[in-house]
Amino acid sequence: MTSYDNTHVYTVEGNRSDQVKRLKYSRSSHLIWGYGYPDWVY
């Protein structure tokens, strides 16, 4: 995830049709299974 707003999250993904793409998902998308923080944040 590169950024977010009230309704969407924005990502940069690789291996999408052999390309790197910027994508936008609804925050309630069924493709998002959850949110978390990496260990180094704490």
PDB file of N, CA and C in Angstrom:
ATOM      1  N   MET A   1       0.843  -1.153   0.000  1.00  0.00           N
ATOM      2  CA  MET A   1       0.000   0.000   0.000  1.00  0.00           C
ATOM      3  C   MET A   1       0.898   1.227   0.000  1.00  0.00           C
ATOM      4  N   THR A   2       0.610   2.151  -0.896  1.00  0.00           N
ATOM      5  CA  THR A   2       1.401   3.374  -0.962  1.00  0.00           C
ATOM      6  C   THR A   2       0.691   4.544  -0.300  1.00  0.00           C
ATOM      7  N   SER A   3      -0.638   4.513  -0.314  1.00  0.00           N
ATOM      8  CA  SER A   3      -1.409   5.573   0.330  1.00  0.00           C
ATOM      9  C   SER A   3      -2.859   5.126   0.458  1.00  0.00           C
ATOM     10  N   TYR A   4      -3.648   5.970   1.115  1.00  0.00           N
ATOM     11  CA  TYR A   4      -5.071   5.676   1.286  1.00  0.00           C
ATOM     12  C   TYR A   4      -5.827   6.974   1.478  1.00  0.00           C
ATOM     13  N   ASP A   5      -7.147   6.897   1.316  1.00  0.00           N
ATOM     14  CA  ASP A   5      -8.023   8.015   1.651  1.00  0.00           C
ATOM     15  C   ASP A   5      -9.257   7.423   2.331  1.00  0.00           C
ATOM     16  N   ASN A   6     -10.315   8.178   2.465  1.00  0.00           N
ATOM     17  CA  ASN A   6     -11.495   7.688   3.186  1.00  0.00           C
ATOM     18  C   ASN A   6     -12.161   6.492   2.525  1.00  0.00           C
ATOM     19  N   THR A   7     -12.005   6.321   1.218  1.00  0.00           N
ATOM     20  CA  THR A   7     -12.727   5.265   0.513  1.00  0.00           C
ATOM     21  C   THR A   7     -11.859   4.259  -0.223  1.00  0.00           C
ATOM     22  N   HIS A   8     -10.572   4.574  -0.457  1.00  0.00           N
ATOM     23  CA  HIS A   8      -9.726   3.699  -1.266  1.00  0.00           C
ATOM     24  C   HIS A   8      -8.336   3.509  -0.663  1.00  0.00           C
ATOM     25  N   VAL A   9      -7.701   2.389  -1.038  1.00  0.00           N
ATOM     26  CA  VAL A   9      -6.281   2.181  -0.779  1.00  0.00           C
ATOM     27  C   VAL A   9      -5.586   2.076  -2.129  1.00  0.00           C
ATOM     28  N   TYR A  10      -4.352   2.561  -2.188  1.00  0.00           N
ATOM     29  CA  TYR A  10      -3.590   2.603  -3.437  1.00  0.00           C
ATOM     30  C   TYR A  10      -2.348   1.746  -3.268  1.00  0.00           C
ATOM     31  N   THR A  11      -2.078   0.910  -4.267  1.00  0.00           N
ATOM     32  CA  THR A  11      -0.966  -0.030  -4.182  1.00  0.00           C
ATOM     33  C   THR A  11      -0.102   0.035  -5.431  1.00  0.00           C
ATOM     34  N   VAL A  12       1.111  -0.502  -5.308  1.00  0.00           N
ATOM     35  CA  VAL A  12       1.968  -0.771  -6.464  1.00  0.00           C
ATOM     36  C   VAL A  12       2.202  -2.271  -6.440  1.00  0.00           C
ATOM     37  N   GLU A  13       1.842  -2.958  -7.523  1.00  0.00           N
ATOM     38  CA  GLU A  13       1.926  -4.412  -7.568  1.00  0.00           C
ATOM     39  C   GLU A  13       2.728  -4.870  -8.770  1.00  0.00           C
ATOM     40  N   GLY A  14       3.533  -5.897  -8.557  1.00  0.00           N
ATOM     41  CA  GLY A  14       4.314  -6.486  -9.640  1.00  0.00           C
ATOM     42  C   GLY A  14       3.679  -7.775 -10.126  1.00  0.00           C
ATOM     43  N   ASN A  15       4.172  -8.254 -11.265  1.00  0.00           N
ATOM     44  CA  ASN A  15       3.698  -9.498 -11.869  1.00  0.00           C
ATOM     45  C   ASN A  15       2.216  -9.473 -12.207  1.00  0.00           C
ATOM     46  N   ARG A  16       1.735  -8.344 -12.564  1.00  0.00           N
ATOM     47  CA  ARG A  16       0.368  -8.195 -13.023  1.00  0.00           C
ATOM     48  C   ARG A  16       0.455  -8.120 -14.536  1.00  0.00           C
ATOM     49  N   SER A  17       0.192  -9.203 -15.237  1.00  0.00           N
ATOM     50  CA  SER A  17       0.359  -9.269 -16.697  1.00  0.00           C
ATOM     51  C   SER A  17       1.788  -8.905 -17.091  1.00  0.00           C
ATOM     52  N   ASP A  18       2.781  -9.400 -16.300  1.00  0.00           N
ATOM     53  CA  ASP A  18       4.198  -9.111 -16.536  1.00  0.00           C
ATOM     54  C   ASP A  18       4.510  -7.624 -16.500  1.00  0.00           C
ATOM     55  N   GLN A  19       3.787  -6.886 -15.675  1.00  0.00           N
ATOM     56  CA  GLN A  19       3.995  -5.447 -15.539  1.00  0.00           C
ATOM     57  C   GLN A  19       3.940  -5.063 -14.063  1.00  0.00           C
ATOM     58  N   VAL A  20       4.454  -3.891 -13.767  1.00  0.00           N
ATOM     59  CA  VAL A  20       4.258  -3.280 -12.457  1.00  0.00           C
ATOM     60  C   VAL A  20       3.180  -2.229 -12.649  1.00  0.00           C
ATOM     61  N   LYS A  21       2.146  -2.289 -11.795  1.00  0.00           N
ATOM     62  CA  LYS A  21       1.019  -1.374 -11.972  1.00  0.00           C
ATOM     63  C   LYS A  21       0.641  -0.704 -10.659  1.00  0.00           C
ATOM     64  N   ARG A  22       0.135   0.510 -10.780  1.00  0.00           N
ATOM     65  CA  ARG A  22      -0.491   1.193  -9.657  1.00  0.00           C
ATOM     66  C   ARG A  22      -1.969   0.848  -9.702  1.00  0.00           C
ATOM     67  N   LEU A  23      -2.489   0.394  -8.569  1.00  0.00           N
ATOM     68  CA  LEU A  23      -3.887  -0.017  -8.516  1.00  0.00           C
ATOM     69  C   LEU A  23      -4.602   0.685  -7.380  1.00  0.00           C
ATOM     70  N   LYS A  24      -5.924   0.735  -7.488  1.00  0.00           N
ATOM     71  CA  LYS A  24      -6.773   1.362  -6.478  1.00  0.00           C
ATOM     72  C   LYS A  24      -7.854   0.359  -6.095  1.00  0.00           C
ATOM     73  N   TYR A  25      -8.037   0.159  -4.791  1.00  0.00           N
ATOM     74  CA  TYR A  25      -9.067  -0.744  -4.291  1.00  0.00           C
ATOM     75  C   TYR A  25      -9.974   0.006  -3.324  1.00  0.00           C
ATOM     76  N   SER A  26     -11.242  -0.352  -3.322  1.00  0.00           N
ATOM     77  CA  SER A  26     -12.152   0.148  -2.306  1.00  0.00           C
ATOM     78  C   SER A  26     -11.695  -0.389  -0.956  1.00  0.00           C
ATOM     79  N   ARG A  27     -11.797   0.402   0.091  1.00  0.00           N
ATOM     80  CA  ARG A  27     -11.369  -0.066   1.412  1.00  0.00           C
ATOM     81  C   ARG A  27     -12.204  -1.235   1.894  1.00  0.00           C
ATOM     82  N   SER A  28     -13.393  -1.432   1.322  1.00  0.00           N
ATOM     83  CA  SER A  28     -14.238  -2.568   1.708  1.00  0.00           C
ATOM     84  C   SER A  28     -14.167  -3.707   0.690  1.00  0.00           C
ATOM     85  N   SER A  29     -13.177  -3.685  -0.184  1.00  0.00           N
ATOM     86  CA  SER A  29     -13.026  -4.711  -1.222  1.00  0.00           C
ATOM     87  C   SER A  29     -12.881  -6.106  -0.617  1.00  0.00           C
ATOM     88  N   HIS A  30     -13.491  -7.093  -1.255  1.00  0.00           N
ATOM     89  CA  HIS A  30     -13.352  -8.482  -0.810  1.00  0.00           C
ATOM     90  C   HIS A  30     -11.935  -9.007  -1.055  1.00  0.00           C
ATOM     91  N   LEU A  31     -11.134  -8.291  -1.829  1.00  0.00           N
ATOM     92  CA  LEU A  31      -9.756  -8.703  -2.102  1.00  0.00           C
ATOM     93  C   LEU A  31      -8.800  -8.336  -0.963  1.00  0.00           C
ATOM     94  N   ILE A  32      -9.237  -7.475  -0.049  1.00  0.00           N
ATOM     95  CA  ILE A  32      -8.412  -7.081   1.100  1.00  0.00           C
ATOM     96  C   ILE A  32      -8.816  -7.944   2.284  1.00  0.00           C
ATOM     97  N   TRP A  33      -7.878  -8.722   2.794  1.00  0.00           N
ATOM     98  CA  TRP A  33      -8.164  -9.656   3.886  1.00  0.00           C
ATOM     99  C   TRP A  33      -7.892  -9.054   5.253  1.00  0.00           C
ATOM    100  N   GLY A  34      -7.183  -7.951   5.315  1.00  0.00           N
ATOM    101  CA  GLY A  34      -6.910  -7.330   6.600  1.00  0.00           C
ATOM    102  C   GLY A  34      -5.815  -6.293   6.485  1.00  0.00           C
ATOM    103  N   TYR A  35      -5.586  -5.598   7.574  1.00  0.00           N
ATOM    104  CA  TYR A  35      -4.559  -4.567   7.641  1.00  0.00           C
ATOM    105  C   TYR A  35      -3.664  -4.869   8.830  1.00  0.00           C
ATOM    106  N   GLY A  36      -2.409  -4.485   8.743  1.00  0.00           N
ATOM    107  CA  GLY A  36      -1.494  -4.727   9.855  1.00  0.00           C
ATOM    108  C   GLY A  36      -0.302  -3.793   9.789  1.00  0.00           C
ATOM    109  N   TYR A  37       0.570  -3.915  10.785  1.00  0.00           N
ATOM    110  CA  TYR A  37       1.792  -3.126  10.874  1.00  0.00           C
ATOM    111  C   TYR A  37       2.991  -4.063  10.871  1.00  0.00           C
ATOM    112  N   PRO A  38       4.081  -3.681  10.227  1.00  0.00           N
ATOM    113  CA  PRO A  38       5.296  -4.494  10.325  1.00  0.00           C
ATOM    114  C   PRO A  38       5.862  -4.436  11.749  1.00  0.00           C
ATOM    115  N   ASP A  39       6.656  -5.435  12.133  1.00  0.00           N
ATOM    116  CA  ASP A  39       7.225  -5.511  13.490  1.00  0.00           C
ATOM    117  C   ASP A  39       8.014  -4.270  13.876  1.00  0.00           C
ATOM    118  N   TRP A  40       8.703  -3.643  12.909  1.00  0.00           N
ATOM    119  CA  TRP A  40       9.573  -2.524  13.257  1.00  0.00           C
ATOM    120  C   TRP A  40       8.808  -1.265  13.648  1.00  0.00           C
ATOM    121  N   VAL A  41       7.492  -1.245  13.486  1.00  0.00           N
ATOM    122  CA  VAL A  41       6.701  -0.065  13.859  1.00  0.00           C
ATOM    123  C   VAL A  41       6.618   0.070  15.374  1.00  0.00           C
ATOM    124  N   TYR A  42       6.609  -1.030  16.084  1.00  0.00           N
ATOM    125  CA  TYR A  42       6.412  -0.990  17.541  1.00  0.00           C
ATOM    126  C   TYR A  42       7.686  -0.795  18.277  1.00  0.00           C
TER     127      TYR A  42
END
